[in-house]
Amino acid sequence: MEFVKSVEVIITSLIVDFELPFVFSLKDRRKIINSIKDKLKKFNLSILDISSEYPKEATLAICYLSHNMPDAKQYKEKIENFLYRNFPEFEFYFEYEFI
């Protein structure tokens, strides 16, 4: 009889809302969001732009896996700090859920 070792996996869902008061077109917003997504690639995340049609707001859905809850929380903080450091001209609002 084989025993399967159970592994804890934490799925983190992070929603980031951006306020873009100086953007006036969807093309400009897309350029900014693509820049943010490119810089976040180093974190090995799944990222989806779920923005509405209003150009002054943008929303990114980010998802990643972690081995345990402390790692998941630490990774979330790294992502938040990275965004604050690299994009200080934007306002961010974060919502997250650990599953």
PDB file of N, CA and C in Angstrom:
ATOM      1  N   MET A   1       0.841  -1.180   0.000  1.00  0.00           N
ATOM      2  CA  MET A   1       0.000   0.000   0.000  1.00  0.00           C
ATOM      3  C   MET A   1       0.889   1.247   0.000  1.00  0.00           C
ATOM      4  N   GLU A   2       0.630   2.146  -0.917  1.00  0.00           N
ATOM      5  CA  GLU A   2       1.410   3.377  -1.006  1.00  0.00           C
ATOM      6  C   GLU A   2       0.723   4.497  -0.246  1.00  0.00           C
ATOM      7  N   PHE A   3       1.540   5.305   0.380  1.00  0.00           N
ATOM      8  CA  PHE A   3       1.029   6.479   1.080  1.00  0.00           C
ATOM      9  C   PHE A   3       1.399   7.717   0.272  1.00  0.00           C
ATOM     10  N   VAL A   4       0.441   8.550   0.075  1.00  0.00           N
ATOM     11  CA  VAL A   4       0.667   9.795  -0.653  1.00  0.00           C
ATOM     12  C   VAL A   4       0.859  10.905   0.364  1.00  0.00           C
ATOM     13  N   LYS A   5       1.959  11.586   0.220  1.00  0.00           N
ATOM     14  CA  LYS A   5       2.244  12.700   1.124  1.00  0.00           C
ATOM     15  C   LYS A   5       1.333  13.875   0.756  1.00  0.00           C
ATOM     16  N   SER A   6       0.608  14.378   1.723  1.00  0.00           N
ATOM     17  CA  SER A   6      -0.256  15.524   1.441  1.00  0.00           C
ATOM     18  C   SER A   6       0.575  16.808   1.438  1.00  0.00           C
ATOM     19  N   VAL A   7       0.260  17.656   0.514  1.00  0.00           N
ATOM     20  CA  VAL A   7       0.979  18.908   0.354  1.00  0.00           C
ATOM     21  C   VAL A   7      -0.018  20.045   0.475  1.00  0.00           C
ATOM     22  N   GLU A   8       0.330  21.005   1.310  1.00  0.00           N
ATOM     23  CA  GLU A   8      -0.524  22.177   1.452  1.00  0.00           C
ATOM     24  C   GLU A   8      -0.189  23.164   0.341  1.00  0.00           C
ATOM     25  N   VAL A   9      -1.201  23.619  -0.352  1.00  0.00           N
ATOM     26  CA  VAL A   9      -1.021  24.628  -1.395  1.00  0.00           C
ATOM     27  C   VAL A   9      -2.015  25.745  -1.126  1.00  0.00           C
ATOM     28  N   ILE A  10      -1.508  26.961  -1.099  1.00  0.00           N
ATOM     29  CA  ILE A  10      -2.346  28.142  -0.893  1.00  0.00           C
ATOM     30  C   ILE A  10      -2.458  28.880  -2.217  1.00  0.00           C
ATOM     31  N   ILE A  11      -3.682  29.130  -2.631  1.00  0.00           N
ATOM     32  CA  ILE A  11      -3.949  29.923  -3.834  1.00  0.00           C
ATOM     33  C   ILE A  11      -4.295  31.336  -3.372  1.00  0.00           C
ATOM     34  N   THR A  12      -3.598  32.302  -3.917  1.00  0.00           N
ATOM     35  CA  THR A  12      -3.863  33.695  -3.562  1.00  0.00           C
ATOM     36  C   THR A  12      -4.459  34.421  -4.762  1.00  0.00           C
ATOM     37  N   SER A  13      -5.571  35.069  -4.505  1.00  0.00           N
ATOM     38  CA  SER A  13      -6.232  35.897  -5.502  1.00  0.00           C
ATOM     39  C   SER A  13      -6.086  37.347  -5.042  1.00  0.00           C
ATOM     40  N   LEU A  14      -5.451  38.152  -5.862  1.00  0.00           N
ATOM     41  CA  LEU A  14      -5.180  39.544  -5.525  1.00  0.00           C
ATOM     42  C   LEU A  14      -5.779  40.429  -6.618  1.00  0.00           C
ATOM     43  N   ILE A  15      -6.655  41.333  -6.231  1.00  0.00           N
ATOM     44  CA  ILE A  15      -7.254  42.295  -7.160  1.00  0.00           C
ATOM     45  C   ILE A  15      -6.642  43.662  -6.864  1.00  0.00           C
ATOM     46  N   VAL A  16      -6.080  44.285  -7.893  1.00  0.00           N
ATOM     47  CA  VAL A  16      -5.454  45.598  -7.737  1.00  0.00           C
ATOM     48  C   VAL A  16      -6.225  46.595  -8.597  1.00  0.00           C
ATOM     49  N   ASP A  17      -6.798  47.591  -7.940  1.00  0.00           N
ATOM     50  CA  ASP A  17      -7.502  48.672  -8.632  1.00  0.00           C
ATOM     51  C   ASP A  17      -6.588  49.889  -8.694  1.00  0.00           C
ATOM     52  N   PHE A  18      -6.491  50.481  -9.870  1.00  0.00           N
ATOM     53  CA  PHE A  18      -5.649  51.649 -10.097  1.00  0.00           C
ATOM     54  C   PHE A  18      -6.518  52.847 -10.417  1.00  0.00           C
ATOM     55  N   GLU A  19      -6.164  53.978  -9.846  1.00  0.00           N
ATOM     56  CA  GLU A  19      -6.762  55.265 -10.215  1.00  0.00           C
ATOM     57  C   GLU A  19      -5.791  55.933 -11.180  1.00  0.00           C
ATOM     58  N   LEU A  20      -6.270  56.308 -12.362  1.00  0.00           N
ATOM     59  CA  LEU A  20      -5.431  56.916 -13.394  1.00  0.00           C
ATOM     60  C   LEU A  20      -6.032  58.249 -13.824  1.00  0.00           C
ATOM     61  N   PRO A  21      -5.978  59.275 -12.982  1.00  0.00           N
ATOM     62  CA  PRO A  21      -6.665  60.536 -13.280  1.00  0.00           C
ATOM     63  C   PRO A  21      -6.105  61.288 -14.485  1.00  0.00           C
ATOM     64  N   PHE A  22      -4.858  61.036 -14.849  1.00  0.00           N
ATOM     65  CA  PHE A  22      -4.233  61.773 -15.951  1.00  0.00           C
ATOM     66  C   PHE A  22      -4.321  61.027 -17.284  1.00  0.00           C
ATOM     67  N   VAL A  23      -5.028  59.895 -17.321  1.00  0.00           N
ATOM     68  CA  VAL A  23      -5.191  59.116 -18.552  1.00  0.00           C
ATOM     69  C   VAL A  23      -6.530  59.490 -19.194  1.00  0.00           C
ATOM     70  N   PHE A  24      -6.501  59.721 -20.507  1.00  0.00           N
ATOM     71  CA  PHE A  24      -7.719  60.155 -21.190  1.00  0.00           C
ATOM     72  C   PHE A  24      -8.193  59.205 -22.291  1.00  0.00           C
ATOM     73  N   SER A  25      -7.425  58.144 -22.550  1.00  0.00           N
ATOM     74  CA  SER A  25      -7.840  57.209 -23.591  1.00  0.00           C
ATOM     75  C   SER A  25      -7.550  55.774 -23.161  1.00  0.00           C
ATOM     76  N   LEU A  26      -8.270  54.854 -23.763  1.00  0.00           N
ATOM     77  CA  LEU A  26      -8.047  53.436 -23.476  1.00  0.00           C
ATOM     78  C   LEU A  26      -6.658  52.999 -23.937  1.00  0.00           C
ATOM     79  N   LYS A  27      -6.179  53.612 -25.011  1.00  0.00           N
ATOM     80  CA  LYS A  27      -4.851  53.297 -25.529  1.00  0.00           C
ATOM     81  C   LYS A  27      -3.772  53.661 -24.497  1.00  0.00           C
ATOM     82  N   ASP A  28      -3.886  54.830 -23.876  1.00  0.00           N
ATOM     83  CA  ASP A  28      -2.925  55.235 -22.842  1.00  0.00           C
ATOM     84  C   ASP A  28      -2.990  54.312 -21.631  1.00  0.00           C
ATOM     85  N   ARG A  29      -4.224  53.962 -21.232  1.00  0.00           N
ATOM     86  CA  ARG A  29      -4.371  53.059 -20.091  1.00  0.00           C
ATOM     87  C   ARG A  29      -3.738  51.708 -20.396  1.00  0.00           C
ATOM     88  N   ARG A  30      -3.981  51.185 -21.589  1.00  0.00           N
ATOM     89  CA  ARG A  30      -3.432  49.887 -21.976  1.00  0.00           C
ATOM     90  C   ARG A  30      -1.901  49.912 -21.940  1.00  0.00           C
ATOM     91  N   LYS A  31      -1.313  51.028 -22.377  1.00  0.00           N
ATOM     92  CA  LYS A  31       0.144  51.173 -22.360  1.00  0.00           C
ATOM     93  C   LYS A  31       0.669  51.108 -20.915  1.00  0.00           C
ATOM     94  N   ILE A  32       0.004  51.773 -20.008  1.00  0.00           N
ATOM     95  CA  ILE A  32       0.407  51.767 -18.601  1.00  0.00           C
ATOM     96  C   ILE A  32       0.240  50.370 -17.995  1.00  0.00           C
ATOM     97  N   ILE A  33      -0.902  49.758 -18.235  1.00  0.00           N
ATOM     98  CA  ILE A  33      -1.167  48.434 -17.666  1.00  0.00           C
ATOM     99  C   ILE A  33      -0.197  47.394 -18.215  1.00  0.00           C
ATOM    100  N   ASN A  34       0.111  47.466 -19.504  1.00  0.00           N
ATOM    101  CA  ASN A  34       1.084  46.529 -20.074  1.00  0.00           C
ATOM    102  C   ASN A  34       2.469  46.715 -19.464  1.00  0.00           C
ATOM    103  N   SER A  35       2.829  47.944 -19.166  1.00  0.00           N
ATOM    104  CA  SER A  35       4.105  48.208 -18.500  1.00  0.00           C
ATOM    105  C   SER A  35       4.132  47.584 -17.106  1.00  0.00           C
ATOM    106  N   ILE A  36       3.045  47.743 -16.372  1.00  0.00           N
ATOM    107  CA  ILE A  36       2.951  47.159 -15.033  1.00  0.00           C
ATOM    108  C   ILE A  36       3.017  45.637 -15.118  1.00  0.00           C
ATOM    109  N   LYS A  37       2.271  45.056 -16.058  1.00  0.00           N
ATOM    110  CA  LYS A  37       2.268  43.601 -16.217  1.00  0.00           C
ATOM    111  C   LYS A  37       3.663  43.083 -16.574  1.00  0.00           C
ATOM    112  N   ASP A  38       4.363  43.784 -17.451  1.00  0.00           N
ATOM    113  CA  ASP A  38       5.717  43.360 -17.836  1.00  0.00           C
ATOM    114  C   ASP A  38       6.665  43.362 -16.640  1.00  0.00           C
ATOM    115  N   LYS A  39       6.550  44.386 -15.814  1.00  0.00           N
ATOM    116  CA  LYS A  39       7.442  44.460 -14.648  1.00  0.00           C
ATOM    117  C   LYS A  39       7.088  43.431 -13.577  1.00  0.00           C
ATOM    118  N   LEU A  40       5.827  43.019 -13.534  1.00  0.00           N
ATOM    119  CA  LEU A  40       5.411  42.002 -12.562  1.00  0.00           C
ATOM    120  C   LEU A  40       5.767  40.584 -13.005  1.00  0.00           C
ATOM    121  N   LYS A  41       6.202  40.409 -14.246  1.00  0.00           N
ATOM    122  CA  LYS A  41       6.543  39.076 -14.750  1.00  0.00           C
ATOM    123  C   LYS A  41       7.621  38.397 -13.911  1.00  0.00           C
ATOM    124  N   LYS A  42       8.487  39.174 -13.306  1.00  0.00           N
ATOM    125  CA  LYS A  42       9.576  38.588 -12.519  1.00  0.00           C
ATOM    126  C   LYS A  42       9.062  37.810 -11.307  1.00  0.00           C
ATOM    127  N   PHE A  43       7.808  38.032 -10.919  1.00  0.00           N
ATOM    128  CA  PHE A  43       7.224  37.324  -9.780  1.00  0.00           C
ATOM    129  C   PHE A  43       6.577  35.991 -10.169  1.00  0.00           C
ATOM    130  N   ASN A  44       6.551  35.675 -11.461  1.00  0.00           N
ATOM    131  CA  ASN A  44       5.960  34.428 -11.943  1.00  0.00           C
ATOM    132  C   ASN A  44       4.497  34.307 -11.522  1.00  0.00           C
ATOM    133  N   LEU A  45       3.693  35.268 -11.942  1.00  0.00           N
ATOM    134  CA  LEU A  45       2.288  35.372 -11.578  1.00  0.00           C
ATOM    135  C   LEU A  45       1.397  35.131 -12.787  1.00  0.00           C
ATOM    136  N   SER A  46       0.152  34.813 -12.528  1.00  0.00           N
ATOM    137  CA  SER A  46      -0.874  34.857 -13.567  1.00  0.00           C
ATOM    138  C   SER A  46      -1.579  36.201 -13.415  1.00  0.00           C
ATOM    139  N   ILE A  47      -1.602  36.973 -14.490  1.00  0.00           N
ATOM    140  CA  ILE A  47      -2.166  38.330 -14.439  1.00  0.00           C
ATOM    141  C   ILE A  47      -3.181  38.489 -15.563  1.00  0.00           C
ATOM    142  N   LEU A  48      -4.318  39.078 -15.208  1.00  0.00           N
ATOM    143  CA  LEU A  48      -5.365  39.332 -16.196  1.00  0.00           C
ATOM    144  C   LEU A  48      -5.883  40.751 -16.006  1.00  0.00           C
ATOM    145  N   ASP A  49      -5.974  41.487 -17.096  1.00  0.00           N
ATOM    146  CA  ASP A  49      -6.540  42.833 -17.068  1.00  0.00           C
ATOM    147  C   ASP A  49      -8.063  42.695 -17.117  1.00  0.00           C
ATOM    148  N   ILE A  50      -8.735  43.082 -16.047  1.00  0.00           N
ATOM    149  CA  ILE A  50     -10.199  42.974 -15.980  1.00  0.00           C
ATOM    150  C   ILE A  50     -10.837  44.358 -15.880  1.00  0.00           C
ATOM    151  N   SER A  51     -10.197  45.331 -16.494  1.00  0.00           N
ATOM    152  CA  SER A  51     -10.663  46.714 -16.449  1.00  0.00           C
ATOM    153  C   SER A  51     -11.968  46.895 -17.199  1.00  0.00           C
ATOM    154  N   SER A  52     -12.704  47.919 -16.794  1.00  0.00           N
ATOM    155  CA  SER A  52     -13.927  48.288 -17.509  1.00  0.00           C
ATOM    156  C   SER A  52     -13.555  49.184 -18.686  1.00  0.00           C
ATOM    157  N   GLU A  53     -14.523  49.800 -19.278  1.00  0.00           N
ATOM    158  CA  GLU A  53     -14.298  50.676 -20.433  1.00  0.00           C
ATOM    159  C   GLU A  53     -13.898  52.093 -20.043  1.00  0.00           C
ATOM    160  N   TYR A  54     -13.936  52.418 -18.780  1.00  0.00           N
ATOM    161  CA  TYR A  54     -13.603  53.768 -18.310  1.00  0.00           C
ATOM    162  C   TYR A  54     -12.079  53.912 -18.255  1.00  0.00           C
ATOM    163  N   PRO A  55     -11.469  54.833 -19.010  1.00  0.00           N
ATOM    164  CA  PRO A  55     -10.010  54.894 -19.100  1.00  0.00           C
ATOM    165  C   PRO A  55      -9.288  55.365 -17.843  1.00  0.00           C
ATOM    166  N   LYS A  56      -9.965  56.019 -16.921  1.00  0.00           N
ATOM    167  CA  LYS A  56      -9.302  56.557 -15.736  1.00  0.00           C
ATOM    168  C   LYS A  56      -9.177  55.553 -14.591  1.00  0.00           C
ATOM    169  N   GLU A  57      -9.641  54.334 -14.829  1.00  0.00           N
ATOM    170  CA  GLU A  57      -9.533  53.278 -13.822  1.00  0.00           C
ATOM    171  C   GLU A  57      -9.066  52.006 -14.518  1.00  0.00           C
ATOM    172  N   ALA A  58      -8.303  51.213 -13.782  1.00  0.00           N
ATOM    173  CA  ALA A  58      -7.847  49.927 -14.316  1.00  0.00           C
ATOM    174  C   ALA A  58      -7.865  48.912 -13.177  1.00  0.00           C
ATOM    175  N   THR A  59      -8.056  47.658 -13.534  1.00  0.00           N
ATOM    176  CA  THR A  59      -8.072  46.591 -12.545  1.00  0.00           C
ATOM    177  C   THR A  59      -7.299  45.398 -13.082  1.00  0.00           C
ATOM    178  N   LEU A  60      -6.392  44.891 -12.250  1.00  0.00           N
ATOM    179  CA  LEU A  60      -5.653  43.675 -12.576  1.00  0.00           C
ATOM    180  C   LEU A  60      -6.028  42.586 -11.580  1.00  0.00           C
ATOM    181  N   ALA A  61      -6.267  41.397 -12.102  1.00  0.00           N
ATOM    182  CA  ALA A  61      -6.474  40.217 -11.262  1.00  0.00           C
ATOM    183  C   ALA A  61      -5.175  39.425 -11.307  1.00  0.00           C
ATOM    184  N   ILE A  62      -4.647  39.136 -10.131  1.00  0.00           N
ATOM    185  CA  ILE A  62      -3.372  38.426 -10.010  1.00  0.00           C
ATOM    186  C   ILE A  62      -3.612  37.163  -9.200  1.00  0.00           C
ATOM    187  N   CYS A  63      -3.007  36.069  -9.647  1.00  0.00           N
ATOM    188  CA  CYS A  63      -3.163  34.806  -8.941  1.00  0.00           C
ATOM    189  C   CYS A  63      -1.799  34.117  -8.856  1.00  0.00           C
ATOM    190  N   TYR A  64      -1.521  33.490  -7.715  1.00  0.00           N
ATOM    191  CA  TYR A  64      -0.289  32.717  -7.560  1.00  0.00           C
ATOM    192  C   TYR A  64      -0.485  31.629  -6.512  1.00  0.00           C
ATOM    193  N   LEU A  65       0.406  30.652  -6.529  1.00  0.00           N
ATOM    194  CA  LEU A  65       0.385  29.539  -5.587  1.00  0.00           C
ATOM    195  C   LEU A  65       1.553  29.664  -4.622  1.00  0.00           C
ATOM    196  N   SER A  66       1.333  29.206  -3.404  1.00  0.00           N
ATOM    197  CA  SER A  66       2.383  29.180  -2.384  1.00  0.00           C
ATOM    198  C   SER A  66       2.315  27.861  -1.641  1.00  0.00           C
ATOM    199  N   HIS A  67       3.420  27.518  -0.986  1.00  0.00           N
ATOM    200  CA  HIS A  67       3.487  26.259  -0.242  1.00  0.00           C
ATOM    201  C   HIS A  67       2.766  26.318   1.101  1.00  0.00           C
ATOM    202  N   ASN A  68       2.685  27.511   1.672  1.00  0.00           N
ATOM    203  CA  ASN A  68       2.019  27.652   2.973  1.00  0.00           C
ATOM    204  C   ASN A  68       1.542  29.093   3.153  1.00  0.00           C
ATOM    205  N   MET A  69       0.790  29.322   4.205  1.00  0.00           N
ATOM    206  CA  MET A  69       0.185  30.643   4.430  1.00  0.00           C
ATOM    207  C   MET A  69       1.223  31.743   4.679  1.00  0.00           C
ATOM    208  N   PRO A  70       2.255  31.509   5.497  1.00  0.00           N
ATOM    209  CA  PRO A  70       3.248  32.588   5.673  1.00  0.00           C
ATOM    210  C   PRO A  70       3.925  32.994   4.364  1.00  0.00           C
ATOM    211  N   ASP A  71       4.237  32.015   3.502  1.00  0.00           N
ATOM    212  CA  ASP A  71       4.835  32.345   2.207  1.00  0.00           C
ATOM    213  C   ASP A  71       3.872  33.138   1.339  1.00  0.00           C
ATOM    214  N   ALA A  72       2.588  32.766   1.362  1.00  0.00           N
ATOM    215  CA  ALA A  72       1.574  33.473   0.570  1.00  0.00           C
ATOM    216  C   ALA A  72       1.473  34.930   1.002  1.00  0.00           C
ATOM    217  N   LYS A  73       1.446  35.161   2.310  1.00  0.00           N
ATOM    218  CA  LYS A  73       1.347  36.530   2.820  1.00  0.00           C
ATOM    219  C   LYS A  73       2.603  37.337   2.507  1.00  0.00           C
ATOM    220  N   GLN A  74       3.753  36.710   2.634  1.00  0.00           N
ATOM    221  CA  GLN A  74       5.005  37.397   2.354  1.00  0.00           C
ATOM    222  C   GLN A  74       5.102  37.776   0.873  1.00  0.00           C
ATOM    223  N   TYR A  75       4.679  36.874   0.003  1.00  0.00           N
ATOM    224  CA  TYR A  75       4.699  37.137  -1.430  1.00  0.00           C
ATOM    225  C   TYR A  75       3.747  38.284  -1.784  1.00  0.00           C
ATOM    226  N   LYS A  76       2.570  38.299  -1.156  1.00  0.00           N
ATOM    227  CA  LYS A  76       1.600  39.385  -1.378  1.00  0.00           C
ATOM    228  C   LYS A  76       2.217  40.728  -0.992  1.00  0.00           C
ATOM    229  N   GLU A  77       2.894  40.761   0.141  1.00  0.00           N
ATOM    230  CA  GLU A  77       3.540  41.995   0.588  1.00  0.00           C
ATOM    231  C   GLU A  77       4.645  42.423  -0.370  1.00  0.00           C
ATOM    232  N   LYS A  78       5.399  41.473  -0.912  1.00  0.00           N
ATOM    233  CA  LYS A  78       6.442  41.802  -1.884  1.00  0.00           C
ATOM    234  C   LYS A  78       5.839  42.447  -3.130  1.00  0.00           C
ATOM    235  N   ILE A  79       4.729  41.893  -3.597  1.00  0.00           N
ATOM    236  CA  ILE A  79       4.067  42.445  -4.782  1.00  0.00           C
ATOM    237  C   ILE A  79       3.560  43.857  -4.503  1.00  0.00           C
ATOM    238  N   GLU A  80       2.905  44.048  -3.360  1.00  0.00           N
ATOM    239  CA  GLU A  80       2.402  45.370  -3.000  1.00  0.00           C
ATOM    240  C   GLU A  80       3.542  46.378  -2.885  1.00  0.00           C
ATOM    241  N   ASN A  81       4.605  46.013  -2.191  1.00  0.00           N
ATOM    242  CA  ASN A  81       5.750  46.920  -2.033  1.00  0.00           C
ATOM    243  C   ASN A  81       6.400  47.236  -3.376  1.00  0.00           C
ATOM    244  N   PHE A  82       6.483  46.242  -4.238  1.00  0.00           N
ATOM    245  CA  PHE A  82       7.043  46.452  -5.568  1.00  0.00           C
ATOM    246  C   PHE A  82       6.229  47.488  -6.339  1.00  0.00           C
ATOM    247  N   LEU A  83       4.906  47.371  -6.295  1.00  0.00           N
ATOM    248  CA  LEU A  83       4.050  48.321  -6.999  1.00  0.00           C
ATOM    249  C   LEU A  83       4.181  49.725  -6.410  1.00  0.00           C
ATOM    250  N   TYR A  84       4.211  49.835  -5.088  1.00  0.00           N
ATOM    251  CA  TYR A  84       4.363  51.158  -4.456  1.00  0.00           C
ATOM    252  C   TYR A  84       5.698  51.800  -4.816  1.00  0.00           C
ATOM    253  N   ARG A  85       6.771  51.010  -4.844  1.00  0.00           N
ATOM    254  CA  ARG A  85       8.098  51.545  -5.151  1.00  0.00           C
ATOM    255  C   ARG A  85       8.258  51.928  -6.620  1.00  0.00           C
ATOM    256  N   ASN A  86       7.735  51.098  -7.525  1.00  0.00           N
ATOM    257  CA  ASN A  86       7.973  51.296  -8.945  1.00  0.00           C
ATOM    258  C   ASN A  86       6.935  52.151  -9.654  1.00  0.00           C
ATOM    259  N   PHE A  87       5.779  52.348  -9.024  1.00  0.00           N
ATOM    260  CA  PHE A  87       4.724  53.149  -9.634  1.00  0.00           C
ATOM    261  C   PHE A  87       4.128  54.110  -8.603  1.00  0.00           C
ATOM    262  N   PRO A  88       4.943  55.000  -8.055  1.00  0.00           N
ATOM    263  CA  PRO A  88       4.445  55.894  -7.006  1.00  0.00           C
ATOM    264  C   PRO A  88       3.435  56.925  -7.509  1.00  0.00           C
ATOM    265  N   GLU A  89       3.369  57.119  -8.827  1.00  0.00           N
ATOM    266  CA  GLU A  89       2.446  58.109  -9.382  1.00  0.00           C
ATOM    267  C   GLU A  89       1.000  57.619  -9.420  1.00  0.00           C
ATOM    268  N   PHE A  90       0.765  56.328  -9.129  1.00  0.00           N
ATOM    269  CA  PHE A  90      -0.582  55.762  -9.162  1.00  0.00           C
ATOM    270  C   PHE A  90      -1.093  55.484  -7.757  1.00  0.00           C
ATOM    271  N   GLU A  91      -2.407  55.546  -7.615  1.00  0.00           N
ATOM    272  CA  GLU A  91      -3.042  55.106  -6.376  1.00  0.00           C
ATOM    273  C   GLU A  91      -3.504  53.677  -6.572  1.00  0.00           C
ATOM    274  N   PHE A  92      -3.251  52.831  -5.559  1.00  0.00           N
ATOM    275  CA  PHE A  92      -3.626  51.427  -5.623  1.00  0.00           C
ATOM    276  C   PHE A  92      -4.610  51.102  -4.524  1.00  0.00           C
ATOM    277  N   TYR A  93      -5.485  50.164  -4.832  1.00  0.00           N
ATOM    278  CA  TYR A  93      -6.379  49.583  -3.817  1.00  0.00           C
ATOM    279  C   TYR A  93      -6.290  48.076  -3.983  1.00  0.00           C
ATOM    280  N   PHE A  94      -5.999  47.386  -2.905  1.00  0.00           N
ATOM    281  CA  PHE A  94      -5.809  45.948  -2.958  1.00  0.00           C
ATOM    282  C   PHE A  94      -6.942  45.203  -2.271  1.00  0.00           C
ATOM    283  N   GLU A  95      -7.371  44.131  -2.898  1.00  0.00           N
ATOM    284  CA  GLU A  95      -8.279  43.167  -2.278  1.00  0.00           C
ATOM    285  C   GLU A  95      -7.630  41.812  -2.479  1.00  0.00           C
ATOM    286  N   TYR A  96      -7.674  40.955  -1.474  1.00  0.00           N
ATOM    287  CA  TYR A  96      -7.047  39.651  -1.644  1.00  0.00           C
ATOM    288  C   TYR A  96      -7.820  38.588  -0.884  1.00  0.00           C
ATOM    289  N   GLU A  97      -7.566  37.353  -1.309  1.00  0.00           N
ATOM    290  CA  GLU A  97      -8.197  36.208  -0.677  1.00  0.00           C
ATOM    291  C   GLU A  97      -7.219  35.035  -0.765  1.00  0.00           C
ATOM    292  N   PHE A  98      -7.062  34.329   0.330  1.00  0.00           N
ATOM    293  CA  PHE A  98      -6.260  33.115   0.366  1.00  0.00           C
ATOM    294  C   PHE A  98      -7.209  31.924   0.386  1.00  0.00           C
ATOM    295  N   ILE A  99      -6.970  30.978  -0.513  1.00  0.00           N
ATOM    296  CA  ILE A  99      -7.820  29.801  -0.603  1.00  0.00           C
ATOM    297  C   ILE A  99      -6.974  28.561  -0.307  1.00  0.00           C
TER     298      ILE A  99
END
